[in-house]
Amino acid sequence: MIEVPTKNDFHRTTNIEITSNEIGLREIHYRNCNVAMRSITDFTSIEMEVDVLDNEKMPEYEKQLSEFKENIKKFHKGELNLSERHEHIERPEPPIKKVKISGTMVAYFNGTARIIVDHFEDFETIYFDYLTKQKLDILKSN
């Protein structure tokens, strides 16, 4: 017999996704999600620092990148001579900042995992309360 999950089988929270953008720099996304409580095989606390793209400083970076591209064009056209002064055109570095991530990593029976913002102790209480309710529901149905 297959049991259909109910609303009580899910915990609504926020998922932390770390992705790489088109130039290979990491970005962090926070998305609403439902944790399938029946599918959990393990969970652990997680704390880490991640280097991510600093979106607040992107307008300045894009301006510097535009100037860099213009200087490259001028150099190829012969309008900019760098060899006389032993100069070079330096490519600007994308703005990076360190972000601390803390929460709980939840592992599922199919091998996937997700990071959620719930602190470990809070999620542990939620999960064990869920398991206790499940046991009580089983006892009631007998």
N, C-alpha and C. Protein backbone atom coordinates (compact mmCIF):
# COMPACT_ATOMS: atom_id res chain seq x y z
N MET A 1 0.84 -1.17 0.00
CA MET A 1 0.00 0.00 0.00
C MET A 1 0.89 1.25 0.00
N ILE A 2 0.58 2.17 -0.86
CA ILE A 2 1.31 3.43 -0.95
C ILE A 2 0.51 4.51 -0.24
N GLU A 3 1.19 5.20 0.66
CA GLU A 3 0.53 6.30 1.37
C GLU A 3 0.84 7.60 0.65
N VAL A 4 -0.16 8.38 0.45
CA VAL A 4 0.02 9.69 -0.17
C VAL A 4 0.45 10.67 0.92
N PRO A 5 1.52 11.43 0.66
CA PRO A 5 1.95 12.38 1.69
C PRO A 5 0.90 13.47 1.91
N THR A 6 0.83 13.93 3.13
CA THR A 6 -0.09 15.01 3.48
C THR A 6 0.72 16.27 3.76
N LYS A 7 0.03 17.36 4.00
CA LYS A 7 0.69 18.63 4.29
C LYS A 7 1.60 18.50 5.52
N ASN A 8 1.22 17.65 6.46
CA ASN A 8 2.00 17.46 7.67
C ASN A 8 3.33 16.75 7.44
N ASP A 9 3.51 16.16 6.25
CA ASP A 9 4.74 15.46 5.93
C ASP A 9 5.82 16.39 5.37
N PHE A 10 5.53 17.68 5.33
CA PHE A 10 6.48 18.65 4.78
C PHE A 10 6.75 19.75 5.80
N HIS A 11 7.96 20.24 5.75
CA HIS A 11 8.35 21.38 6.59
C HIS A 11 8.70 22.53 5.65
N ARG A 12 7.96 23.62 5.76
CA ARG A 12 8.18 24.79 4.91
C ARG A 12 9.31 25.64 5.49
N THR A 13 10.30 25.93 4.64
CA THR A 13 11.47 26.68 5.08
C THR A 13 12.11 27.38 3.89
N THR A 14 13.36 27.79 4.04
CA THR A 14 14.09 28.44 2.96
C THR A 14 15.33 27.62 2.62
N ASN A 15 15.50 27.38 1.34
CA ASN A 15 16.61 26.61 0.81
C ASN A 15 17.72 27.56 0.38
N ILE A 16 18.96 27.20 0.64
CA ILE A 16 20.11 27.98 0.18
C ILE A 16 20.74 27.24 -1.00
N GLU A 17 20.77 27.89 -2.15
CA GLU A 17 21.39 27.28 -3.34
C GLU A 17 22.63 28.08 -3.71
N ILE A 18 23.72 27.38 -3.91
CA ILE A 18 24.96 28.01 -4.36
C ILE A 18 25.17 27.57 -5.80
N THR A 19 25.14 28.53 -6.71
CA THR A 19 25.29 28.23 -8.13
C THR A 19 26.48 28.98 -8.70
N SER A 20 26.87 28.62 -9.89
CA SER A 20 27.91 29.36 -10.62
C SER A 20 27.26 30.06 -11.79
N ASN A 21 27.65 31.32 -11.99
CA ASN A 21 27.08 32.06 -13.11
C ASN A 21 27.86 31.76 -14.39
N GLU A 22 27.55 32.50 -15.46
CA GLU A 22 28.16 32.22 -16.78
C GLU A 22 29.66 32.44 -16.82
N ILE A 23 30.22 33.23 -15.90
CA ILE A 23 31.67 33.42 -15.89
C ILE A 23 32.35 32.60 -14.79
N GLY A 24 31.60 31.69 -14.18
CA GLY A 24 32.16 30.75 -13.22
C GLY A 24 32.23 31.24 -11.79
N LEU A 25 31.61 32.37 -11.50
CA LEU A 25 31.62 32.89 -10.14
C LEU A 25 30.36 32.43 -9.40
N ARG A 26 30.51 32.19 -8.12
CA ARG A 26 29.39 31.68 -7.32
C ARG A 26 28.40 32.78 -6.97
N GLU A 27 27.15 32.36 -6.90
CA GLU A 27 26.06 33.22 -6.45
C GLU A 27 25.22 32.42 -5.46
N ILE A 28 24.64 33.11 -4.50
CA ILE A 28 23.79 32.45 -3.51
C ILE A 28 22.36 32.87 -3.76
N HIS A 29 21.46 31.89 -3.75
CA HIS A 29 20.04 32.15 -3.93
C HIS A 29 19.29 31.56 -2.74
N TYR A 30 18.33 32.30 -2.26
CA TYR A 30 17.46 31.83 -1.17
C TYR A 30 16.08 31.62 -1.76
N ARG A 31 15.55 30.39 -1.63
CA ARG A 31 14.25 30.08 -2.21
C ARG A 31 13.38 29.36 -1.19
N ASN A 32 12.08 29.66 -1.23
CA ASN A 32 11.14 28.93 -0.39
C ASN A 32 11.13 27.47 -0.82
N CYS A 33 10.99 26.58 0.12
CA CYS A 33 10.95 25.16 -0.23
C CYS A 33 10.16 24.39 0.84
N ASN A 34 9.84 23.18 0.51
CA ASN A 34 9.23 22.24 1.44
C ASN A 34 10.17 21.06 1.59
N VAL A 35 10.53 20.75 2.83
CA VAL A 35 11.38 19.60 3.10
C VAL A 35 10.47 18.39 3.30
N ALA A 36 10.69 17.35 2.51
CA ALA A 36 9.91 16.11 2.62
C ALA A 36 10.43 15.32 3.81
N MET A 37 9.72 15.41 4.91
CA MET A 37 10.18 14.83 6.17
C MET A 37 10.31 13.30 6.11
N ARG A 38 9.45 12.65 5.33
CA ARG A 38 9.49 11.18 5.23
C ARG A 38 10.74 10.68 4.50
N SER A 39 11.33 11.52 3.67
CA SER A 39 12.44 11.09 2.83
C SER A 39 13.81 11.34 3.43
N ILE A 40 13.87 11.93 4.60
CA ILE A 40 15.15 12.29 5.22
C ILE A 40 15.85 11.05 5.76
N THR A 41 17.14 10.93 5.43
CA THR A 41 17.95 9.85 5.99
C THR A 41 18.96 10.38 7.00
N ASP A 42 19.31 11.67 6.87
CA ASP A 42 20.30 12.25 7.77
C ASP A 42 20.22 13.77 7.68
N PHE A 43 20.69 14.43 8.71
CA PHE A 43 20.84 15.88 8.67
C PHE A 43 21.98 16.27 9.59
N THR A 44 22.66 17.33 9.24
CA THR A 44 23.81 17.77 10.00
C THR A 44 23.93 19.29 9.94
N SER A 45 24.56 19.86 10.95
CA SER A 45 24.76 21.31 10.92
C SER A 45 25.84 21.64 9.90
N ILE A 46 25.74 22.83 9.35
CA ILE A 46 26.72 23.25 8.36
C ILE A 46 27.04 24.72 8.58
N GLU A 47 28.32 25.02 8.56
CA GLU A 47 28.81 26.39 8.62
C GLU A 47 29.99 26.47 7.68
N MET A 48 29.94 27.42 6.77
CA MET A 48 31.05 27.58 5.84
C MET A 48 31.06 29.00 5.29
N GLU A 49 32.22 29.40 4.80
CA GLU A 49 32.34 30.69 4.13
C GLU A 49 32.50 30.42 2.65
N VAL A 50 31.79 31.18 1.85
CA VAL A 50 31.82 31.00 0.41
C VAL A 50 32.17 32.34 -0.24
N ASP A 51 33.08 32.30 -1.20
CA ASP A 51 33.38 33.49 -2.00
C ASP A 51 32.31 33.60 -3.08
N VAL A 52 31.59 34.71 -3.09
CA VAL A 52 30.52 34.91 -4.07
C VAL A 52 30.67 36.26 -4.74
N LEU A 53 30.00 36.40 -5.85
CA LEU A 53 29.99 37.65 -6.60
C LEU A 53 29.28 38.72 -5.78
N ASP A 54 29.90 39.89 -5.66
CA ASP A 54 29.32 41.01 -4.93
C ASP A 54 28.48 41.84 -5.90
N ASN A 55 27.19 41.56 -5.94
CA ASN A 55 26.30 42.22 -6.90
C ASN A 55 26.18 43.73 -6.69
N GLU A 56 26.42 44.19 -5.46
CA GLU A 56 26.34 45.63 -5.19
C GLU A 56 27.44 46.40 -5.90
N LYS A 57 28.57 45.75 -6.13
CA LYS A 57 29.71 46.41 -6.78
C LYS A 57 29.79 46.12 -8.28
N MET A 58 28.80 45.41 -8.80
CA MET A 58 28.82 45.05 -10.23
C MET A 58 28.77 46.26 -11.16
N PRO A 59 28.00 47.32 -10.89
CA PRO A 59 27.99 48.46 -11.82
C PRO A 59 29.39 49.07 -12.01
N GLU A 60 30.15 49.19 -10.93
CA GLU A 60 31.52 49.72 -11.04
C GLU A 60 32.41 48.76 -11.83
N TYR A 61 32.27 47.46 -11.57
CA TYR A 61 33.04 46.45 -12.31
C TYR A 61 32.72 46.49 -13.79
N GLU A 62 31.43 46.60 -14.13
CA GLU A 62 31.03 46.65 -15.54
C GLU A 62 31.58 47.90 -16.22
N LYS A 63 31.67 49.00 -15.50
CA LYS A 63 32.26 50.23 -16.04
C LYS A 63 33.75 50.01 -16.31
N GLN A 64 34.46 49.41 -15.36
CA GLN A 64 35.88 49.13 -15.53
C GLN A 64 36.11 48.15 -16.68
N LEU A 65 35.23 47.16 -16.80
CA LEU A 65 35.35 46.17 -17.87
C LEU A 65 35.13 46.82 -19.24
N SER A 66 34.20 47.74 -19.31
CA SER A 66 33.94 48.48 -20.55
C SER A 66 35.16 49.30 -20.95
N GLU A 67 35.77 49.99 -19.98
CA GLU A 67 36.99 50.75 -20.24
C GLU A 67 38.12 49.84 -20.71
N PHE A 68 38.24 48.68 -20.10
CA PHE A 68 39.25 47.70 -20.48
C PHE A 68 39.07 47.28 -21.93
N LYS A 69 37.84 46.98 -22.31
CA LYS A 69 37.55 46.56 -23.69
C LYS A 69 37.85 47.68 -24.68
N GLU A 70 37.53 48.91 -24.30
CA GLU A 70 37.84 50.07 -25.16
C GLU A 70 39.34 50.21 -25.35
N ASN A 71 40.11 50.06 -24.28
CA ASN A 71 41.56 50.15 -24.38
C ASN A 71 42.15 49.05 -25.26
N ILE A 72 41.58 47.86 -25.20
CA ILE A 72 42.03 46.76 -26.05
C ILE A 72 41.77 47.12 -27.52
N LYS A 73 40.58 47.65 -27.81
CA LYS A 73 40.25 48.07 -29.18
C LYS A 73 41.21 49.14 -29.66
N LYS A 74 41.47 50.15 -28.80
CA LYS A 74 42.40 51.22 -29.17
C LYS A 74 43.79 50.68 -29.43
N PHE A 75 44.23 49.71 -28.62
CA PHE A 75 45.55 49.11 -28.80
C PHE A 75 45.64 48.41 -30.14
N HIS A 76 44.60 47.64 -30.51
CA HIS A 76 44.61 46.91 -31.78
C HIS A 76 44.53 47.85 -32.98
N LYS A 77 43.91 49.00 -32.81
CA LYS A 77 43.84 49.99 -33.89
C LYS A 77 45.11 50.83 -33.98
N GLY A 78 45.99 50.70 -32.99
CA GLY A 78 47.22 51.48 -32.98
C GLY A 78 47.05 52.84 -32.33
N GLU A 79 45.92 53.09 -31.73
CA GLU A 79 45.66 54.37 -31.08
C GLU A 79 46.25 54.43 -29.67
N LEU A 80 46.67 53.29 -29.14
CA LEU A 80 47.21 53.23 -27.79
C LEU A 80 48.52 52.46 -27.85
N ASN A 81 49.62 53.13 -27.50
CA ASN A 81 50.94 52.50 -27.56
C ASN A 81 51.41 52.26 -26.13
N LEU A 82 51.53 51.01 -25.76
CA LEU A 82 51.91 50.67 -24.40
C LEU A 82 53.40 50.34 -24.27
N SER A 83 54.05 50.01 -25.37
CA SER A 83 55.44 49.55 -25.30
C SER A 83 56.40 50.64 -24.90
N GLU A 84 56.08 51.91 -25.16
CA GLU A 84 56.98 53.01 -24.84
C GLU A 84 57.17 53.16 -23.33
N ARG A 85 56.11 53.02 -22.60
CA ARG A 85 56.17 53.25 -21.15
C ARG A 85 56.17 51.94 -20.36
N HIS A 86 56.31 50.80 -21.04
CA HIS A 86 56.29 49.48 -20.41
C HIS A 86 55.02 49.28 -19.57
N GLU A 87 53.94 49.79 -20.07
CA GLU A 87 52.66 49.63 -19.40
C GLU A 87 51.93 48.43 -19.97
N HIS A 88 50.90 48.05 -19.32
CA HIS A 88 50.03 46.98 -19.83
C HIS A 88 48.58 47.32 -19.46
N ILE A 89 47.69 46.69 -20.17
CA ILE A 89 46.27 46.88 -19.90
C ILE A 89 45.85 45.78 -18.93
N GLU A 90 45.43 46.19 -17.76
CA GLU A 90 45.07 45.21 -16.74
C GLU A 90 43.57 44.97 -16.73
N ARG A 91 43.21 43.71 -16.82
CA ARG A 91 41.79 43.34 -16.78
C ARG A 91 41.27 43.47 -15.35
N PRO A 92 40.14 44.14 -15.16
CA PRO A 92 39.60 44.27 -13.80
C PRO A 92 39.11 42.93 -13.26
N GLU A 93 39.25 42.77 -11.97
CA GLU A 93 38.79 41.54 -11.30
C GLU A 93 37.33 41.71 -10.88
N PRO A 94 36.52 40.66 -11.06
CA PRO A 94 35.13 40.74 -10.61
C PRO A 94 35.09 40.94 -9.09
N PRO A 95 34.11 41.70 -8.61
CA PRO A 95 34.02 41.94 -7.17
C PRO A 95 33.56 40.68 -6.43
N ILE A 96 34.33 40.30 -5.43
CA ILE A 96 34.06 39.09 -4.66
C ILE A 96 33.89 39.48 -3.19
N LYS A 97 32.97 38.80 -2.51
CA LYS A 97 32.84 38.97 -1.07
C LYS A 97 32.66 37.60 -0.43
N LYS A 98 33.05 37.51 0.83
CA LYS A 98 32.87 36.27 1.58
C LYS A 98 31.52 36.31 2.28
N VAL A 99 30.78 35.22 2.17
CA VAL A 99 29.49 35.10 2.81
C VAL A 99 29.51 33.86 3.70
N LYS A 100 29.09 34.06 4.94
CA LYS A 100 29.02 32.93 5.87
C LYS A 100 27.65 32.29 5.75
N ILE A 101 27.66 30.99 5.56
CA ILE A 101 26.41 30.22 5.47
C ILE A 101 26.35 29.32 6.68
N SER A 102 25.22 29.37 7.37
CA SER A 102 25.01 28.44 8.48
C SER A 102 23.56 27.96 8.43
N GLY A 103 23.40 26.73 8.76
CA GLY A 103 22.07 26.13 8.73
C GLY A 103 22.18 24.63 8.93
N THR A 104 21.34 23.91 8.21
CA THR A 104 21.30 22.45 8.31
C THR A 104 21.33 21.86 6.91
N MET A 105 22.19 20.85 6.73
CA MET A 105 22.19 20.11 5.47
C MET A 105 21.34 18.86 5.68
N VAL A 106 20.33 18.71 4.83
CA VAL A 106 19.40 17.59 4.92
C VAL A 106 19.71 16.62 3.78
N ALA A 107 19.90 15.34 4.12
CA ALA A 107 20.16 14.32 3.11
C ALA A 107 18.91 13.46 2.94
N TYR A 108 18.62 13.12 1.69
CA TYR A 108 17.45 12.30 1.36
C TYR A 108 17.86 10.90 0.96
N PHE A 109 16.90 9.97 0.99
CA PHE A 109 17.18 8.57 0.69
C PHE A 109 17.71 8.37 -0.73
N ASN A 110 17.42 9.28 -1.66
CA ASN A 110 17.89 9.12 -3.04
C ASN A 110 19.28 9.70 -3.26
N GLY A 111 19.93 10.16 -2.19
CA GLY A 111 21.29 10.64 -2.28
C GLY A 111 21.43 12.14 -2.47
N THR A 112 20.34 12.84 -2.68
CA THR A 112 20.43 14.29 -2.83
C THR A 112 20.48 14.96 -1.46
N ALA A 113 20.92 16.18 -1.46
CA ALA A 113 20.99 16.94 -0.22
C ALA A 113 20.63 18.39 -0.51
N ARG A 114 20.20 19.08 0.52
CA ARG A 114 19.92 20.51 0.38
C ARG A 114 20.31 21.19 1.67
N ILE A 115 20.68 22.45 1.54
CA ILE A 115 21.01 23.26 2.71
C ILE A 115 19.81 24.16 3.00
N ILE A 116 19.37 24.13 4.24
CA ILE A 116 18.25 24.99 4.63
C ILE A 116 18.73 25.94 5.72
N VAL A 117 18.01 27.06 5.88
CA VAL A 117 18.44 28.10 6.82
C VAL A 117 18.16 27.76 8.27
N ASP A 118 17.34 26.77 8.55
CA ASP A 118 17.01 26.41 9.93
C ASP A 118 18.29 26.00 10.67
N HIS A 119 18.45 26.52 11.89
CA HIS A 119 19.59 26.10 12.71
C HIS A 119 19.40 24.63 13.08
N PHE A 120 20.50 23.93 13.28
CA PHE A 120 20.47 22.50 13.53
C PHE A 120 19.54 22.13 14.68
N GLU A 121 19.68 22.82 15.80
CA GLU A 121 18.87 22.49 16.98
C GLU A 121 17.39 22.68 16.70
N ASP A 122 17.05 23.75 15.98
CA ASP A 122 15.64 24.00 15.64
C ASP A 122 15.10 22.91 14.72
N PHE A 123 15.89 22.53 13.71
CA PHE A 123 15.43 21.51 12.78
C PHE A 123 15.34 20.14 13.48
N GLU A 124 16.29 19.88 14.35
CA GLU A 124 16.27 18.62 15.10
C GLU A 124 14.96 18.50 15.88
N THR A 125 14.55 19.56 16.54
CA THR A 125 13.29 19.56 17.30
C THR A 125 12.10 19.33 16.36
N ILE A 126 12.08 20.05 15.23
CA ILE A 126 10.99 19.90 14.26
C ILE A 126 10.93 18.47 13.73
N TYR A 127 12.08 17.90 13.40
CA TYR A 127 12.12 16.55 12.83
C TYR A 127 11.68 15.49 13.85
N PHE A 128 12.20 15.59 15.07
CA PHE A 128 11.82 14.59 16.07
C PHE A 128 10.37 14.75 16.52
N ASP A 129 9.86 15.96 16.52
CA ASP A 129 8.42 16.16 16.78
C ASP A 129 7.60 15.49 15.67
N TYR A 130 8.06 15.64 14.44
CA TYR A 130 7.38 14.98 13.31
C TYR A 130 7.37 13.46 13.49
N LEU A 131 8.53 12.90 13.83
CA LEU A 131 8.60 11.44 14.03
C LEU A 131 7.69 10.99 15.17
N THR A 132 7.65 11.75 16.26
CA THR A 132 6.78 11.42 17.39
C THR A 132 5.32 11.42 16.96
N LYS A 133 4.92 12.43 16.21
CA LYS A 133 3.53 12.50 15.72
C LYS A 133 3.21 11.32 14.81
N GLN A 134 4.18 10.92 13.99
CA GLN A 134 3.98 9.77 13.11
C GLN A 134 3.71 8.51 13.93
N LYS A 135 4.50 8.31 14.98
CA LYS A 135 4.31 7.13 15.83
C LYS A 135 2.95 7.17 16.51
N LEU A 136 2.55 8.35 16.97
CA LEU A 136 1.25 8.47 17.62
C LEU A 136 0.12 8.19 16.63
N ASP A 137 0.26 8.65 15.39
CA ASP A 137 -0.74 8.38 14.37
C ASP A 137 -0.85 6.88 14.08
N ILE A 138 0.28 6.19 14.09
CA ILE A 138 0.27 4.75 13.84
C ILE A 138 -0.45 4.03 15.00
N LEU A 139 -0.17 4.46 16.21
CA LEU A 139 -0.83 3.85 17.37
C LEU A 139 -2.32 4.09 17.37
N LYS A 140 -2.76 5.27 16.92
CA LYS A 140 -4.18 5.59 16.88
C LYS A 140 -4.91 4.71 15.87
N SER A 141 -4.27 4.42 14.74
CA SER A 141 -4.95 3.67 13.69
C SER A 141 -5.06 2.19 14.02
N ASN A 142 -4.33 1.69 15.00
CA ASN A 142 -4.42 0.26 15.37
C ASN A 142 -5.55 -0.01 16.29
